[in-house]
Each structure stands twice: as C-alpha cells, then as structure tokens.
Amino acid sequence: MSRRGHGEARLLAVLTLTGTVNWADRQVVPILFPGIRAELHLSDTELGIVGGLAFSLIYALTGFFFGFAADRWLRVRVIAFGLATWSLATAAGGLATDFSTLFWARFFTGIGEASLFPCAVSLIGERFPPERRGRALGTFGMAAAIGAGLGIGLGGRLADALGWRSVFFIYGGSGLLLLPLVLALPETRRRRDGTTRDPPLAAARTLLADARLAVLWLAGMIAIASGIGYAAWVPSFFVRDHGLGVTEAGLLFGAAALAGGIVGSLAGGMLADHRGRARFAGEADVAIASGLLAAPLIVATIGVATPWLFVPIGLAASISIYSFFPALQALLVRLVPQQHLGIAAALNVFFLGGLGSALGPFVVGSISDATGNLHAALLVPAGGFLVAAAVAAAAGRVARRRGRRGERQPPLAPRPRV
C-alpha cells in the first residue's frame, strides 16, 4: 500500500471507530426505555422526546457552528473537542433523577456529537477521489450500524446485568479512550488557490437555494425519520407484544442492526459509485431501490408470528434502510464544492440528524400514546420509506436536469461490444 493509501486507510479507520462510539452513545437510549420508564415513571411521549427531540434539535443547530469550523479550522481538533463533550454528557445521563435531568444530559450529548459528521465528510471529500468516495462514505456509514448494534445489543445485556445507569457510565467512559487516536491524526488545511471563502450564512443561503440539494435533503430527512422511528420503537414492541426480555430484544435487534447495517452501508456506497459512473446523479437510483425495499420489509417485521422470524426479515430490512444514506451522501459530495462541504454537511445534519431524527421517535411514540397501539404506530415508518423513494427519484431528476455548476455531466460509460 502506498503512503497515501496508508494515510487514507488510517484516517477512515479512526473516523469509523469514532463514529461507532458516536452512534452507540446515541442509539443506546431506546433499549434502556423499559428501565428508565419503570424507575423515572416517564410516558411514551416523554421517552420519545428523550430518545429523539432532546438530542436531535440541538444536534442540528450546533451542526452549523461545526460546519463553519470544518471549513476553516483543523478538523481533527474539532472532532476531539466534540468527542470529549459528548462522552462526558453521555456519562451524565446515568445521574438523571427525572425527565428534566435526563433531557439536559441528552441535550449536551447532542452538542458534542454534532462535531463529527461535518468534519468527517469534509475530510473524506478532500482525501478521497470521486471514484472511491461512495465506498469511503459507505465505510464511514458502517459506524452507524456497528454503533447501533453495540448500543442496542450490548446495551440491553449491560442494562439487565448492571442497570441502565451503569450503561451510560460505561458508554461515556469508552469515548474518552479514543481521544489519543483522534489527536494523533495528522492534518493541515490545504490551500485552495483561486477560491474565495464565503461567510457561513452566505454559503448556507447559496446551498439552500440550490433545488438539487433541497430535494436531496428532503428525501434524506423523510428516510431517516422513518428509519430512526422504526429502530427506536421496534425493540419495545417485541418486549410489550411478544413478551421478550430486554436482553433478548437487545441481542435480536442489535444483531440485525449490526449485520444489516454493515452490509447495507458498504453495498449502498459501492452501488453508488457504480451508478454514479453510469450516469450523472445515478447515486439516487440506489436510494430509490432501498426505500422501495425497506417499506414492505418493515411491515413484514412487525407482522411476524414469532420474534425469531424477525432474524431474516429484520436483517433484510436493516440492509435496505442503511443502504439508502451512503448513496445520498455521495451525491451531496459530488454536487457541493469542496470549500463548502463543511456547511453542506451541517445542513445535512440539520435536516437529517436534527429534524428527521427528532421527528421519527416522537411521532411513533405520540401515535402509540394516542391509539394505544404501538403496532399501528410502527406502520408509519413503512409509509415514510415509500415517500422517501419518490422524493429521491425527484432529486435525481432535478440534479440531472441542472447538472453541477461549472461542470458538464459526465458521459455514459460506453457499452461493451458483444
């Protein structure tokens, strides 16, 4: 492996490992719902707020600051600051005594976690050539799957053995152990001769005015609301309706999220590279197919007669859900100039990690409270993926119609002669 290749591999490995801790700290909360609900006497709506809204709104808003930082400062140091902040805040969740204190612990976790995505996307967009960005983003996207698997699977087992408070302490402490690896990454800002840096608000306005990006973000927001809403509540559904223990539910759904997410993220990234070479904005084709597959698989998952039938169906659902996002991220990096990638990633965080992630658990929890039927509430994410697929199709059409500013649409690859 060349020196450059070794540096790329090292960067991607550390970013993926840090992202794994980021997602584990984020996704561990739903599997702790039964214990938190019993001890703190919270409603499903309050749990939905803790699992989504408390974290996601400040995560989205703080992302703008970190997007600005990613375009101007040393991104490795920004990530290290965020890692320390979210790890300490996660540990503080174990000290919660009521809804309010748990809300604020998740609030500060959201502030710290907002640092990673803008900086990581900026680094990947700068260090990896276009023909390998989808795969790199897919590899980084595996962190969501691995983190969710650890958050749900290991978190449920630890909660049964040690209690939900200890889980927050363990997960928060593990993040601090990664600080030396992050700080050891070499980085210097590359000079961008001939380019100017717009003020962050001006850059954000320019990006928001781009119809291609607006439709792309709408597709991602609907998809992640559906995916997070499903993932946050399906373990509780099997605990309540099928009598599974928390440990069993954690292992079952954690394994599906882990295996399906790894396969889905890698497949989504690789297929995005392939479709992107075939036609301009072909990455959107992968998102369309993923959404159309995810919808019926979610319906099948919550309709199984026995929880263990979930294994093959839930695994397929997980693959479909996770493959949606690397494709859209690869298209985002293709459409946005490098000097604006940090702000673009911050807007991505706002729409997906903020609005989408907040609405998903909250909407499902609210419908469950209103109807007294969590099964019916979980049908909403299935419908959401059908809508997301339709919007992804519109995003591809708009991108092909407009092309990239200052760049001709690449020609289709020649067909081999038979």
Protein backbone atom coordinates (compact mmCIF):
# COMPACT_ATOMS: atom_id res chain seq x y z
CA MET A 1 0.00 0.00 0.00
CA SER A 2 1.33 3.44 -0.91
CA ARG A 3 1.98 6.08 1.72
CA ARG A 4 -1.08 7.98 0.53
CA GLY A 5 -3.20 4.82 0.65
CA HIS A 6 -1.98 4.06 4.16
CA GLY A 7 -2.91 7.57 5.27
CA GLU A 8 -6.37 7.26 3.75
CA ALA A 9 -6.93 3.89 5.43
CA ARG A 10 -5.78 5.21 8.80
CA LEU A 11 -7.99 8.29 8.54
CA LEU A 12 -11.02 6.23 7.56
CA ALA A 13 -10.41 3.68 10.33
CA VAL A 14 -10.22 6.34 13.07
CA LEU A 15 -13.24 8.23 11.72
CA THR A 16 -15.25 5.00 11.56
CA LEU A 17 -14.23 3.96 15.09
CA THR A 18 -15.12 7.41 16.44
CA GLY A 19 -18.39 7.29 14.54
CA THR A 20 -19.14 3.91 16.11
CA VAL A 21 -18.87 5.39 19.60
CA ASN A 22 -20.90 8.40 18.43
CA TRP A 23 -23.76 6.17 17.27
CA ALA A 24 -23.54 3.78 20.23
CA ASP A 25 -23.99 6.68 22.66
CA ARG A 26 -26.90 7.91 20.55
CA GLN A 27 -28.68 4.60 19.97
CA VAL A 28 -28.28 3.01 23.39
CA VAL A 29 -31.19 5.04 24.79
CA PRO A 30 -34.14 3.11 23.22
CA ILE A 31 -33.09 -0.24 24.68
CA LEU A 32 -32.96 1.46 28.10
CA PHE A 33 -36.56 2.70 27.75
CA PRO A 34 -38.11 -0.11 29.88
CA GLY A 35 -35.74 0.53 32.80
CA ILE A 36 -35.97 4.31 32.55
CA ARG A 37 -39.76 4.16 32.23
CA ALA A 38 -40.10 1.97 35.31
CA GLU A 39 -37.76 4.00 37.54
CA LEU A 40 -38.46 7.55 36.40
CA HIS A 41 -42.16 6.97 35.51
CA LEU A 42 -41.98 8.55 32.05
CA SER A 43 -44.70 8.34 29.38
CA ASP A 44 -44.05 7.09 25.84
CA THR A 45 -44.19 10.69 24.62
CA GLU A 46 -41.52 11.72 27.16
CA LEU A 47 -39.40 8.73 26.18
CA GLY A 48 -39.79 9.72 22.53
CA ILE A 49 -38.55 13.21 23.41
CA VAL A 50 -35.55 11.83 25.32
CA GLY A 51 -34.78 9.36 22.53
CA GLY A 52 -35.08 11.93 19.75
CA LEU A 53 -36.08 15.53 20.35
CA ALA A 54 -33.82 16.31 23.33
CA PHE A 55 -30.77 15.19 21.39
CA SER A 56 -31.65 15.99 17.82
CA LEU A 57 -32.71 19.64 17.83
CA ILE A 58 -29.55 20.95 19.48
CA TYR A 59 -27.54 18.44 17.41
CA ALA A 60 -28.97 20.04 14.29
CA LEU A 61 -28.48 23.64 15.37
CA THR A 62 -24.95 23.15 16.74
CA GLY A 63 -24.03 21.47 13.46
CA PHE A 64 -23.90 24.91 11.79
CA PHE A 65 -21.11 26.01 14.11
CA PHE A 66 -19.20 22.80 13.48
CA GLY A 67 -19.83 23.09 9.74
CA PHE A 68 -18.23 26.54 9.82
CA ALA A 69 -15.35 25.08 11.84
CA ALA A 70 -14.89 22.19 9.38
CA ASP A 71 -14.40 24.65 6.50
CA ARG A 72 -11.85 26.78 8.36
CA TRP A 73 -10.15 25.07 11.32
CA LEU A 74 -8.20 21.88 11.94
CA ARG A 75 -10.94 19.28 11.75
CA VAL A 76 -9.10 16.74 13.90
CA ARG A 77 -9.09 19.14 16.85
CA VAL A 78 -12.74 19.98 16.33
CA ILE A 79 -13.62 16.26 16.42
CA ALA A 80 -11.55 15.78 19.61
CA PHE A 81 -13.39 18.62 21.34
CA GLY A 82 -16.75 17.18 20.35
CA LEU A 83 -15.75 13.65 21.40
CA ALA A 84 -14.81 14.82 24.91
CA THR A 85 -18.05 16.81 25.23
CA TRP A 86 -20.44 14.08 24.15
CA SER A 87 -18.67 11.38 26.19
CA LEU A 88 -18.93 13.37 29.43
CA ALA A 89 -22.57 14.24 28.70
CA THR A 90 -23.42 10.58 27.99
CA ALA A 91 -21.95 9.58 31.34
CA ALA A 92 -24.01 12.33 33.00
CA GLY A 93 -27.17 10.56 31.78
CA GLY A 94 -26.52 7.92 34.42
CA LEU A 95 -27.07 10.56 37.12
CA ALA A 96 -30.57 11.53 35.89
CA THR A 97 -33.31 11.68 38.53
CA ASP A 98 -36.28 12.76 36.39
CA PHE A 99 -37.33 13.72 32.86
CA SER A 100 -35.70 17.15 33.08
CA THR A 101 -32.23 15.98 34.12
CA LEU A 102 -32.20 13.20 31.53
CA PHE A 103 -33.33 15.73 28.90
CA TRP A 104 -30.37 18.02 29.64
CA ALA A 105 -27.87 15.16 29.61
CA ARG A 106 -29.05 14.18 26.11
CA PHE A 107 -29.10 17.86 25.11
CA PHE A 108 -25.35 18.25 25.78
CA THR A 109 -24.66 14.87 24.18
CA GLY A 110 -26.23 16.30 21.03
CA ILE A 111 -23.99 19.38 21.14
CA GLY A 112 -20.81 17.28 21.20
CA GLU A 113 -21.93 14.71 18.65
CA ALA A 114 -22.70 17.42 16.08
CA SER A 115 -18.95 17.89 15.56
CA LEU A 116 -18.22 14.59 13.84
CA PHE A 117 -20.26 14.45 10.64
CA PRO A 118 -19.32 17.85 9.10
CA CYS A 119 -15.63 17.29 9.80
CA ALA A 120 -15.66 13.67 8.60
CA VAL A 121 -17.47 14.47 5.33
CA SER A 122 -15.08 17.37 4.70
CA LEU A 123 -12.04 15.14 5.30
CA ILE A 124 -13.37 12.29 3.14
CA GLY A 125 -14.37 14.65 0.35
CA GLU A 126 -10.88 16.16 0.37
CA ARG A 127 -8.79 12.99 0.76
CA PHE A 128 -10.64 10.52 -1.49
CA PRO A 129 -11.05 10.80 -5.28
CA PRO A 130 -14.60 10.86 -6.73
CA GLU A 131 -14.48 7.27 -7.97
CA ARG A 132 -13.87 5.98 -4.42
CA ARG A 133 -15.88 8.43 -2.32
CA GLY A 134 -19.04 6.33 -2.26
CA ARG A 135 -17.16 3.36 -0.86
CA ALA A 136 -15.37 5.58 1.69
CA LEU A 137 -18.64 7.16 2.79
CA GLY A 138 -20.20 3.70 2.97
CA THR A 139 -17.36 2.51 5.20
CA PHE A 140 -17.81 5.54 7.43
CA GLY A 141 -21.55 4.84 7.36
CA MET A 142 -20.85 1.40 8.84
CA ALA A 143 -20.24 3.25 12.10
CA ALA A 144 -23.98 3.85 12.41
CA ALA A 145 -24.63 0.12 12.07
CA ILE A 146 -21.87 -1.01 14.41
CA GLY A 147 -22.75 1.69 16.93
CA ALA A 148 -26.44 0.82 16.79
CA GLY A 149 -25.60 -2.86 17.21
CA LEU A 150 -23.44 -2.15 20.24
CA GLY A 151 -25.91 0.37 21.60
CA ILE A 152 -28.88 -1.98 21.39
CA GLY A 153 -27.26 -5.42 21.73
CA LEU A 154 -24.58 -4.80 24.32
CA GLY A 155 -26.58 -2.03 25.98
CA GLY A 156 -29.53 -4.33 26.66
CA ARG A 157 -27.32 -7.01 28.17
CA LEU A 158 -25.49 -4.50 30.36
CA ALA A 159 -28.78 -2.93 31.43
CA ASP A 160 -30.09 -6.30 32.63
CA ALA A 161 -26.83 -7.10 34.41
CA LEU A 162 -25.84 -3.72 35.85
CA GLY A 163 -28.83 -1.39 35.46
CA TRP A 164 -29.49 1.37 32.93
CA ARG A 165 -27.45 3.97 34.81
CA SER A 166 -24.25 1.94 34.54
CA VAL A 167 -24.72 1.68 30.78
CA PHE A 168 -24.48 5.47 30.45
CA PHE A 169 -21.29 5.49 32.57
CA ILE A 170 -19.64 2.71 30.54
CA TYR A 171 -20.52 4.17 27.14
CA GLY A 172 -19.47 7.68 28.12
CA GLY A 173 -16.14 6.49 29.50
CA SER A 174 -15.32 4.46 26.38
CA GLY A 175 -15.44 7.58 24.21
CA LEU A 176 -12.73 9.30 26.25
CA LEU A 177 -10.38 6.40 25.47
CA LEU A 178 -10.45 7.35 21.77
CA LEU A 179 -9.12 10.87 22.26
CA PRO A 180 -5.43 9.92 21.76
CA LEU A 181 -6.22 8.20 18.44
CA VAL A 182 -8.10 11.23 17.13
CA LEU A 183 -5.46 13.71 18.22
CA ALA A 184 -2.72 11.59 16.63
CA LEU A 185 -4.19 12.04 13.13
CA PRO A 186 -2.01 14.41 11.08
CA GLU A 187 -3.82 17.26 9.38
CA THR A 188 -3.09 20.56 7.73
CA ARG A 189 -5.59 22.71 5.89
CA ARG A 190 -4.96 22.52 2.15
CA ARG A 191 -4.67 25.87 0.40
CA ARG A 192 -7.34 26.48 -2.16
CA ASP A 193 -5.74 28.86 -4.62
CA GLY A 194 -8.16 30.80 -6.76
CA THR A 195 -11.13 30.17 -4.46
CA THR A 196 -12.78 32.52 -2.00
CA ARG A 197 -14.43 31.68 1.26
CA ASP A 198 -17.95 32.98 1.55
CA PRO A 199 -19.23 33.97 5.00
CA PRO A 200 -21.03 30.97 6.53
CA LEU A 201 -24.50 32.49 6.28
CA ALA A 202 -23.94 33.44 2.65
CA ALA A 203 -22.66 29.94 1.88
CA ALA A 204 -25.67 28.40 3.64
CA ARG A 205 -28.09 30.62 1.69
CA THR A 206 -26.42 29.62 -1.58
CA LEU A 207 -26.71 25.93 -0.75
CA LEU A 208 -30.31 26.22 0.44
CA ALA A 209 -31.26 27.99 -2.79
CA ASP A 210 -29.99 25.02 -4.83
CA ALA A 211 -33.06 22.97 -5.75
CA ARG A 212 -30.96 19.84 -6.26
CA LEU A 213 -29.76 19.90 -2.66
CA ALA A 214 -33.16 20.88 -1.24
CA VAL A 215 -34.88 17.84 -2.75
CA LEU A 216 -31.98 15.59 -1.75
CA TRP A 217 -32.20 16.75 1.88
CA LEU A 218 -35.97 16.28 1.90
CA ALA A 219 -35.53 12.66 0.78
CA GLY A 220 -32.92 12.02 3.46
CA MET A 221 -34.98 13.70 6.18
CA ILE A 222 -38.04 11.55 5.47
CA ALA A 223 -35.92 8.39 5.25
CA ILE A 224 -34.02 8.94 8.49
CA ALA A 225 -37.21 9.88 10.38
CA SER A 226 -38.67 6.59 9.21
CA GLY A 227 -35.55 4.56 9.96
CA ILE A 228 -34.91 6.04 13.41
CA GLY A 229 -38.60 5.88 14.31
CA TYR A 230 -38.63 2.18 13.43
CA ALA A 231 -35.33 1.40 15.19
CA ALA A 232 -36.25 3.31 18.36
CA TRP A 233 -39.56 1.53 18.96
CA VAL A 234 -39.37 -1.94 17.43
CA PRO A 235 -37.49 -3.41 20.45
CA SER A 236 -40.18 -2.08 22.82
CA PHE A 237 -42.86 -3.54 20.53
CA PHE A 238 -41.40 -7.02 20.89
CA VAL A 239 -40.95 -6.58 24.65
CA ARG A 240 -44.58 -5.50 25.09
CA ASP A 241 -46.41 -7.54 22.47
CA HIS A 242 -44.28 -10.69 22.32
CA GLY A 243 -43.03 -10.86 25.91
CA LEU A 244 -39.33 -10.74 25.06
CA GLY A 245 -36.89 -9.78 27.81
CA VAL A 246 -34.79 -6.66 27.40
CA THR A 247 -31.63 -8.74 26.91
CA GLU A 248 -33.27 -10.91 24.24
CA ALA A 249 -34.69 -7.89 22.42
CA GLY A 250 -31.35 -6.11 22.60
CA LEU A 251 -29.42 -9.06 21.19
CA LEU A 252 -32.02 -9.73 18.49
CA PHE A 253 -32.32 -6.20 17.18
CA GLY A 254 -28.72 -5.30 17.85
CA ALA A 255 -27.52 -8.21 15.73
CA ALA A 256 -29.87 -7.26 12.90
CA ALA A 257 -28.76 -3.63 13.01
CA LEU A 258 -25.09 -4.61 13.17
CA ALA A 259 -25.01 -7.19 10.37
CA GLY A 260 -27.59 -5.49 8.17
CA GLY A 261 -26.08 -2.08 8.68
CA ILE A 262 -22.56 -3.15 7.76
CA VAL A 263 -23.74 -4.92 4.61
CA GLY A 264 -26.18 -2.15 3.71
CA SER A 265 -23.69 0.69 4.20
CA LEU A 266 -20.98 -1.00 2.14
CA ALA A 267 -23.39 -2.11 -0.56
CA GLY A 268 -25.00 1.31 -0.72
CA GLY A 269 -21.63 3.02 -1.12
CA MET A 270 -20.31 0.60 -3.73
CA LEU A 271 -23.54 0.70 -5.75
CA ALA A 272 -23.50 4.49 -5.55
CA ASP A 273 -20.00 4.55 -7.10
CA HIS A 274 -21.21 2.20 -9.83
CA ARG A 275 -24.39 4.14 -10.64
CA GLY A 276 -22.53 7.45 -10.42
CA ARG A 277 -20.17 6.26 -13.16
CA ALA A 278 -23.09 5.07 -15.28
CA ARG A 279 -24.92 8.39 -15.31
CA PHE A 280 -24.88 11.77 -13.61
CA ALA A 281 -26.68 11.62 -10.23
CA GLY A 282 -27.07 7.87 -10.65
CA GLU A 283 -26.42 7.61 -6.90
CA ALA A 284 -30.09 8.50 -6.39
CA ASP A 285 -31.08 5.23 -8.09
CA VAL A 286 -29.63 3.30 -5.15
CA ALA A 287 -31.68 5.34 -2.66
CA ILE A 288 -34.87 4.74 -4.67
CA ALA A 289 -34.39 0.96 -4.67
CA SER A 290 -33.50 0.97 -0.96
CA GLY A 291 -36.66 2.85 0.02
CA LEU A 292 -38.91 0.64 -2.07
CA LEU A 293 -37.44 -2.47 -0.45
CA ALA A 294 -37.45 -1.11 3.11
CA ALA A 295 -41.19 -0.34 3.24
CA PRO A 296 -42.61 -3.87 2.81
CA LEU A 297 -39.82 -5.36 4.92
CA ILE A 298 -40.75 -3.13 7.88
CA VAL A 299 -44.37 -4.23 7.56
CA ALA A 300 -43.26 -7.86 7.47
CA THR A 301 -41.01 -7.38 10.50
CA ILE A 302 -43.74 -6.16 12.83
CA GLY A 303 -46.18 -8.75 11.48
CA VAL A 304 -44.13 -11.86 12.24
CA ALA A 305 -45.89 -14.51 14.31
CA THR A 306 -42.81 -15.24 16.44
CA PRO A 307 -39.92 -12.90 17.30
CA TRP A 308 -37.31 -15.27 15.91
CA LEU A 309 -38.77 -14.98 12.42
CA PHE A 310 -37.53 -11.43 12.70
CA VAL A 311 -33.94 -12.56 12.09
CA PRO A 312 -34.06 -12.99 8.29
CA ILE A 313 -36.75 -10.34 7.68
CA GLY A 314 -35.27 -7.78 10.06
CA LEU A 315 -31.81 -8.35 8.61
CA ALA A 316 -33.10 -7.62 5.10
CA ALA A 317 -34.94 -4.53 6.38
CA SER A 318 -31.76 -3.29 8.03
CA ILE A 319 -29.74 -3.74 4.83
CA SER A 320 -32.32 -1.77 2.85
CA ILE A 321 -32.53 1.06 5.38
CA TYR A 322 -28.77 1.55 5.75
CA SER A 323 -28.05 1.41 2.01
CA PHE A 324 -30.24 4.49 1.46
CA PHE A 325 -27.88 7.01 3.07
CA PRO A 326 -24.36 6.50 1.59
CA ALA A 327 -25.87 6.98 -1.86
CA LEU A 328 -27.36 10.37 -0.97
CA GLN A 329 -24.17 11.45 0.79
CA ALA A 330 -22.07 10.53 -2.26
CA LEU A 331 -24.38 12.64 -4.42
CA LEU A 332 -24.10 15.52 -1.94
CA VAL A 333 -20.30 15.47 -2.11
CA ARG A 334 -20.47 15.35 -5.92
CA LEU A 335 -22.69 18.44 -6.10
CA VAL A 336 -21.06 20.68 -3.48
CA PRO A 337 -17.70 22.50 -3.94
CA GLN A 338 -15.00 21.36 -1.50
CA GLN A 339 -14.77 24.75 0.23
CA HIS A 340 -18.45 24.49 1.22
CA LEU A 341 -18.56 20.84 2.25
CA GLY A 342 -18.49 21.64 5.97
CA ILE A 343 -21.54 23.93 5.76
CA ALA A 344 -23.29 21.48 3.40
CA ALA A 345 -22.69 18.66 5.88
CA ALA A 346 -24.01 20.90 8.69
CA LEU A 347 -27.21 21.44 6.70
CA ASN A 348 -27.35 17.68 6.16
CA VAL A 349 -27.08 17.28 9.95
CA PHE A 350 -29.85 19.84 10.46
CA PHE A 351 -32.33 18.18 8.13
CA LEU A 352 -31.45 14.53 8.78
CA GLY A 353 -29.79 14.32 12.18
CA GLY A 354 -31.93 17.14 13.57
CA LEU A 355 -35.43 17.35 12.15
CA GLY A 356 -35.62 13.79 10.82
CA SER A 357 -34.11 12.04 13.83
CA ALA A 358 -36.17 14.13 16.25
CA LEU A 359 -39.49 13.59 14.49
CA GLY A 360 -39.14 9.82 13.98
CA PRO A 361 -39.22 8.54 17.61
CA PHE A 362 -41.53 11.39 18.68
CA VAL A 363 -44.17 10.74 16.01
CA VAL A 364 -44.20 6.98 16.58
CA GLY A 365 -44.36 7.42 20.36
CA SER A 366 -47.14 10.03 20.10
CA ILE A 367 -49.24 7.83 17.80
CA SER A 368 -48.72 4.91 20.19
CA ASP A 369 -49.98 7.01 23.12
CA ALA A 370 -52.94 8.35 21.12
CA THR A 371 -54.07 4.98 19.79
CA GLY A 372 -52.80 2.62 22.47
CA ASN A 373 -51.39 0.55 19.61
CA LEU A 374 -47.65 0.53 19.04
CA HIS A 375 -48.09 -1.91 16.13
CA ALA A 376 -50.18 0.63 14.20
CA ALA A 377 -47.71 3.40 15.03
CA LEU A 378 -44.85 1.36 13.52
CA LEU A 379 -46.62 1.25 10.16
CA VAL A 380 -45.86 4.97 9.74
CA PRO A 381 -42.11 4.39 9.07
CA ALA A 382 -43.02 1.90 6.32
CA GLY A 383 -45.09 4.50 4.53
CA GLY A 384 -42.33 7.03 5.10
CA PHE A 385 -39.85 4.99 3.07
CA LEU A 386 -42.21 4.89 0.10
CA VAL A 387 -42.40 8.68 0.20
CA ALA A 388 -38.61 8.93 0.60
CA ALA A 389 -38.09 6.76 -2.50
CA ALA A 390 -40.36 9.04 -4.54
CA VAL A 391 -38.52 12.15 -3.35
CA ALA A 392 -35.14 10.53 -4.09
CA ALA A 393 -36.35 9.93 -7.65
CA ALA A 394 -37.21 13.63 -7.89
CA ALA A 395 -33.77 14.54 -6.52
CA GLY A 396 -32.08 12.53 -9.26
CA ARG A 397 -34.21 14.14 -11.95
CA VAL A 398 -33.52 17.67 -10.70
CA ALA A 399 -29.79 17.01 -10.44
CA ARG A 400 -29.61 15.63 -13.99
CA ARG A 401 -31.65 18.50 -15.35
CA ARG A 402 -29.43 21.15 -13.79
CA GLY A 403 -26.08 19.37 -13.65
CA ARG A 404 -23.30 20.61 -11.45
CA ARG A 405 -22.42 24.29 -11.62
CA GLY A 406 -19.40 24.73 -13.84
CA GLU A 407 -19.19 21.03 -14.66
CA ARG A 408 -20.56 19.15 -17.64
CA GLN A 409 -22.46 16.00 -16.96
CA PRO A 410 -20.09 13.08 -17.46
CA PRO A 411 -20.84 10.92 -20.47
CA LEU A 412 -22.29 7.48 -20.02
CA ALA A 413 -19.78 4.69 -19.93
CA PRO A 414 -19.50 3.00 -23.35
CA ARG A 415 -21.29 -0.30 -23.67
CA PRO A 416 -19.04 -3.26 -24.37
CA ARG A 417 -19.41 -4.84 -27.77
CA VAL A 418 -20.86 -8.32 -27.84
